[in-house]
Amino acid sequence: MSESNEARTAAGVRAAIGAHTQAQDAGQSDEIVALYAPDGVLEIPGMDPISGHDALRAAFEGWAPTAPQRHFVANTLITALTAEEATAVSDVAFFQRGEAGWAVQVVGRYEDTLRHSDGAWLFQHRKTTYLT
């Protein structure tokens, strides 16, 4: 892969991760689901894996924000990259605003596998871990 193609591909992967974050904080379940492959999987500690658009939609609808929230995703490191598949690791801090102001609720890490399909980068697998 040429340097310019690698840079374009890396930018597409980072854009998908950012779009997921923005849509999740806005409670836009359909937009989140559209970022997943039809057989995409989400793993969250303490839960069975969530697989497929219907299950993902139900989960994200159930997690729709009831108070202002932000996922701050940083330090994204793309660990493997081809024209068709990429893996990335990102740190995440989840903030929610309550009566006392903004507070960190969770700190964790995303391990993502994305596949390029029909001109878009889609999540094939996202594994979330929490740091204690």
C-alpha atoms as a PDB file:
ATOM      1  CA  MET A   1       0.000   0.000   0.000  1.00  0.00           C
ATOM      2  CA  SER A   2       1.416   3.400  -0.945  1.00  0.00           C
ATOM      3  CA  GLU A   3       1.970   6.059   1.692  1.00  0.00           C
ATOM      4  CA  SER A   4      -0.902   8.180   0.379  1.00  0.00           C
ATOM      5  CA  ASN A   5      -3.280   5.187   0.345  1.00  0.00           C
ATOM      6  CA  GLU A   6      -2.159   4.240   3.843  1.00  0.00           C
ATOM      7  CA  ALA A   7      -2.791   7.781   5.089  1.00  0.00           C
ATOM      8  CA  ARG A   8      -6.229   7.871   3.417  1.00  0.00           C
ATOM      9  CA  THR A   9      -7.110   4.475   4.887  1.00  0.00           C
ATOM     10  CA  ALA A  10      -5.940   5.489   8.377  1.00  0.00           C
ATOM     11  CA  ALA A  11      -8.004   8.680   8.138  1.00  0.00           C
ATOM     12  CA  GLY A  12     -11.076   6.618   7.180  1.00  0.00           C
ATOM     13  CA  VAL A  13     -10.608   4.326  10.171  1.00  0.00           C
ATOM     14  CA  ARG A  14     -10.216   7.267  12.549  1.00  0.00           C
ATOM     15  CA  ALA A  15     -13.275   8.939  11.018  1.00  0.00           C
ATOM     16  CA  ALA A  16     -15.380   5.808  11.671  1.00  0.00           C
ATOM     17  CA  ILE A  17     -14.219   5.717  15.301  1.00  0.00           C
ATOM     18  CA  GLY A  18     -15.053   9.425  15.681  1.00  0.00           C
ATOM     19  CA  ALA A  19     -18.452   9.043  14.008  1.00  0.00           C
ATOM     20  CA  HIS A  20     -19.301   6.197  16.404  1.00  0.00           C
ATOM     21  CA  THR A  21     -18.398   8.380  19.378  1.00  0.00           C
ATOM     22  CA  GLN A  22     -20.381  11.395  18.165  1.00  0.00           C
ATOM     23  CA  ALA A  23     -23.472   9.331  17.333  1.00  0.00           C
ATOM     24  CA  GLN A  24     -23.345   7.475  20.641  1.00  0.00           C
ATOM     25  CA  ASP A  25     -23.168  10.675  22.669  1.00  0.00           C
ATOM     26  CA  ALA A  26     -26.071  12.097  20.651  1.00  0.00           C
ATOM     27  CA  GLY A  27     -28.188   8.955  21.157  1.00  0.00           C
ATOM     28  CA  GLN A  28     -28.388   8.298  17.402  1.00  0.00           C
ATOM     29  CA  SER A  29     -28.869   4.528  17.369  1.00  0.00           C
ATOM     30  CA  ASP A  30     -29.500   4.200  13.633  1.00  0.00           C
ATOM     31  CA  GLU A  31     -26.325   6.141  12.826  1.00  0.00           C
ATOM     32  CA  ILE A  32     -24.295   3.921  15.164  1.00  0.00           C
ATOM     33  CA  VAL A  33     -25.718   0.712  13.696  1.00  0.00           C
ATOM     34  CA  ALA A  34     -24.946   1.955  10.174  1.00  0.00           C
ATOM     35  CA  LEU A  35     -21.262   1.988  11.182  1.00  0.00           C
ATOM     36  CA  TYR A  36     -21.308  -1.783  11.838  1.00  0.00           C
ATOM     37  CA  ALA A  37     -21.064  -4.617   9.357  1.00  0.00           C
ATOM     38  CA  PRO A  38     -24.331  -6.615   9.249  1.00  0.00           C
ATOM     39  CA  ASP A  39     -22.686  -9.320  11.372  1.00  0.00           C
ATOM     40  CA  GLY A  40     -20.709  -6.848  13.497  1.00  0.00           C
ATOM     41  CA  VAL A  41     -20.079  -7.679  17.146  1.00  0.00           C
ATOM     42  CA  LEU A  42     -19.770  -5.499  20.246  1.00  0.00           C
ATOM     43  CA  GLU A  43     -18.235  -6.886  23.434  1.00  0.00           C
ATOM     44  CA  ILE A  44     -18.709  -5.083  26.746  1.00  0.00           C
ATOM     45  CA  PRO A  45     -17.534  -6.455  30.111  1.00  0.00           C
ATOM     46  CA  GLY A  46     -20.219  -8.301  32.036  1.00  0.00           C
ATOM     47  CA  MET A  47     -22.462  -8.806  29.005  1.00  0.00           C
ATOM     48  CA  ASP A  48     -22.855 -11.432  26.324  1.00  0.00           C
ATOM     49  CA  PRO A  49     -21.503 -10.290  22.946  1.00  0.00           C
ATOM     50  CA  ILE A  50     -24.014  -8.234  20.965  1.00  0.00           C
ATOM     51  CA  SER A  51     -24.115  -9.332  17.336  1.00  0.00           C
ATOM     52  CA  GLY A  52     -25.950  -8.070  14.269  1.00  0.00           C
ATOM     53  CA  HIS A  53     -27.805  -4.879  13.439  1.00  0.00           C
ATOM     54  CA  ASP A  54     -31.046  -5.719  15.271  1.00  0.00           C
ATOM     55  CA  ALA A  55     -29.307  -6.589  18.538  1.00  0.00           C
ATOM     56  CA  LEU A  56     -26.963  -3.610  18.259  1.00  0.00           C
ATOM     57  CA  ARG A  57     -29.874  -1.235  17.615  1.00  0.00           C
ATOM     58  CA  ALA A  58     -31.764  -2.558  20.645  1.00  0.00           C
ATOM     59  CA  ALA A  59     -28.676  -2.186  22.835  1.00  0.00           C
ATOM     60  CA  PHE A  60     -27.859   1.367  21.757  1.00  0.00           C
ATOM     61  CA  GLU A  61     -31.498   2.421  22.047  1.00  0.00           C
ATOM     62  CA  GLY A  62     -31.430   1.085  25.611  1.00  0.00           C
ATOM     63  CA  TRP A  63     -28.288   3.097  26.314  1.00  0.00           C
ATOM     64  CA  ALA A  64     -29.626   6.353  24.880  1.00  0.00           C
ATOM     65  CA  PRO A  65     -28.344   9.243  26.992  1.00  0.00           C
ATOM     66  CA  THR A  66     -30.624  10.565  29.707  1.00  0.00           C
ATOM     67  CA  ALA A  67     -28.118  13.267  30.677  1.00  0.00           C
ATOM     68  CA  PRO A  68     -25.393  15.061  28.729  1.00  0.00           C
ATOM     69  CA  GLN A  69     -22.479  12.713  28.098  1.00  0.00           C
ATOM     70  CA  ARG A  70     -19.203  12.543  26.203  1.00  0.00           C
ATOM     71  CA  HIS A  71     -16.884   9.717  25.278  1.00  0.00           C
ATOM     72  CA  PHE A  72     -13.382  11.132  24.879  1.00  0.00           C
ATOM     73  CA  VAL A  73     -11.467   8.780  22.608  1.00  0.00           C
ATOM     74  CA  ALA A  74      -7.716   9.351  22.407  1.00  0.00           C
ATOM     75  CA  ASN A  75      -4.400   7.754  21.616  1.00  0.00           C
ATOM     76  CA  THR A  76      -5.825   5.747  18.726  1.00  0.00           C
ATOM     77  CA  LEU A  77      -3.099   3.465  17.461  1.00  0.00           C
ATOM     78  CA  ILE A  78      -3.759   1.624  14.224  1.00  0.00           C
ATOM     79  CA  THR A  79      -2.048  -1.712  14.793  1.00  0.00           C
ATOM     80  CA  ALA A  80      -2.653  -3.324  11.385  1.00  0.00           C
ATOM     81  CA  LEU A  81      -3.795  -1.866   8.115  1.00  0.00           C
ATOM     82  CA  THR A  82      -4.608  -3.198   4.670  1.00  0.00           C
ATOM     83  CA  ALA A  83      -6.925  -1.872   1.987  1.00  0.00           C
ATOM     84  CA  GLU A  84      -9.703  -4.137   3.322  1.00  0.00           C
ATOM     85  CA  GLU A  85      -9.143  -4.453   7.084  1.00  0.00           C
ATOM     86  CA  ALA A  86      -7.728  -2.445   9.958  1.00  0.00           C
ATOM     87  CA  THR A  87      -7.281  -2.966  13.669  1.00  0.00           C
ATOM     88  CA  ALA A  88      -6.943  -0.138  16.154  1.00  0.00           C
ATOM     89  CA  VAL A  89      -6.643   0.369  19.890  1.00  0.00           C
ATOM     90  CA  SER A  90      -7.965   3.549  21.546  1.00  0.00           C
ATOM     91  CA  ASP A  91      -8.209   4.837  25.093  1.00  0.00           C
ATOM     92  CA  VAL A  92     -11.602   6.137  26.186  1.00  0.00           C
ATOM     93  CA  ALA A  93     -12.906   8.154  29.116  1.00  0.00           C
ATOM     94  CA  PHE A  94     -16.663   8.437  29.571  1.00  0.00           C
ATOM     95  CA  PHE A  95     -17.947  11.646  31.183  1.00  0.00           C
ATOM     96  CA  GLN A  96     -21.492  12.422  32.261  1.00  0.00           C
ATOM     97  CA  ARG A  97     -22.885  15.719  33.495  1.00  0.00           C
ATOM     98  CA  GLY A  98     -24.897  15.619  36.688  1.00  0.00           C
ATOM     99  CA  GLU A  99     -25.974  18.131  39.311  1.00  0.00           C
ATOM    100  CA  ALA A 100     -22.368  18.611  40.450  1.00  0.00           C
ATOM    101  CA  GLY A 101     -21.056  19.059  36.901  1.00  0.00           C
ATOM    102  CA  TRP A 102     -19.077  16.763  34.627  1.00  0.00           C
ATOM    103  CA  ALA A 103     -17.577  13.625  36.150  1.00  0.00           C
ATOM    104  CA  VAL A 104     -15.617  10.676  34.808  1.00  0.00           C
ATOM    105  CA  GLN A 105     -17.775   7.561  34.947  1.00  0.00           C
ATOM    106  CA  VAL A 106     -15.551   4.990  33.211  1.00  0.00           C
ATOM    107  CA  VAL A 107     -12.039   4.776  31.813  1.00  0.00           C
ATOM    108  CA  GLY A 108     -11.322   2.023  29.346  1.00  0.00           C
ATOM    109  CA  ARG A 109      -9.992   0.880  26.031  1.00  0.00           C
ATOM    110  CA  TYR A 110     -11.497  -0.014  22.669  1.00  0.00           C
ATOM    111  CA  GLU A 111     -10.011  -2.751  20.505  1.00  0.00           C
ATOM    112  CA  ASP A 112     -11.548  -2.373  17.055  1.00  0.00           C
ATOM    113  CA  THR A 113     -11.490  -4.392  13.876  1.00  0.00           C
ATOM    114  CA  LEU A 114     -12.929  -2.563  10.876  1.00  0.00           C
ATOM    115  CA  ARG A 115     -13.529  -3.778   7.329  1.00  0.00           C
ATOM    116  CA  HIS A 116     -13.781  -1.695   4.194  1.00  0.00           C
ATOM    117  CA  SER A 117     -17.091  -2.337   2.425  1.00  0.00           C
ATOM    118  CA  ASP A 118     -18.797  -0.361  -0.343  1.00  0.00           C
ATOM    119  CA  GLY A 119     -16.552   2.642   0.184  1.00  0.00           C
ATOM    120  CA  ALA A 120     -16.951   2.814   3.974  1.00  0.00           C
ATOM    121  CA  TRP A 121     -15.077   1.530   7.001  1.00  0.00           C
ATOM    122  CA  LEU A 122     -17.428  -0.587   9.141  1.00  0.00           C
ATOM    123  CA  PHE A 123     -16.932  -2.063  12.575  1.00  0.00           C
ATOM    124  CA  GLN A 124     -16.619  -5.817  12.396  1.00  0.00           C
ATOM    125  CA  HIS A 125     -15.746  -6.149  16.058  1.00  0.00           C
ATOM    126  CA  ARG A 126     -15.382  -3.774  19.000  1.00  0.00           C
ATOM    127  CA  LYS A 127     -14.167  -5.042  22.332  1.00  0.00           C
ATOM    128  CA  THR A 128     -14.403  -2.671  25.283  1.00  0.00           C
ATOM    129  CA  THR A 129     -12.363  -3.194  28.417  1.00  0.00           C
ATOM    130  CA  TYR A 130     -12.553  -1.136  31.594  1.00  0.00           C
ATOM    131  CA  LEU A 131      -9.469  -0.036  33.484  1.00  0.00           C
ATOM    132  CA  THR A 132      -9.710  -0.163  37.232  1.00  0.00           C
END
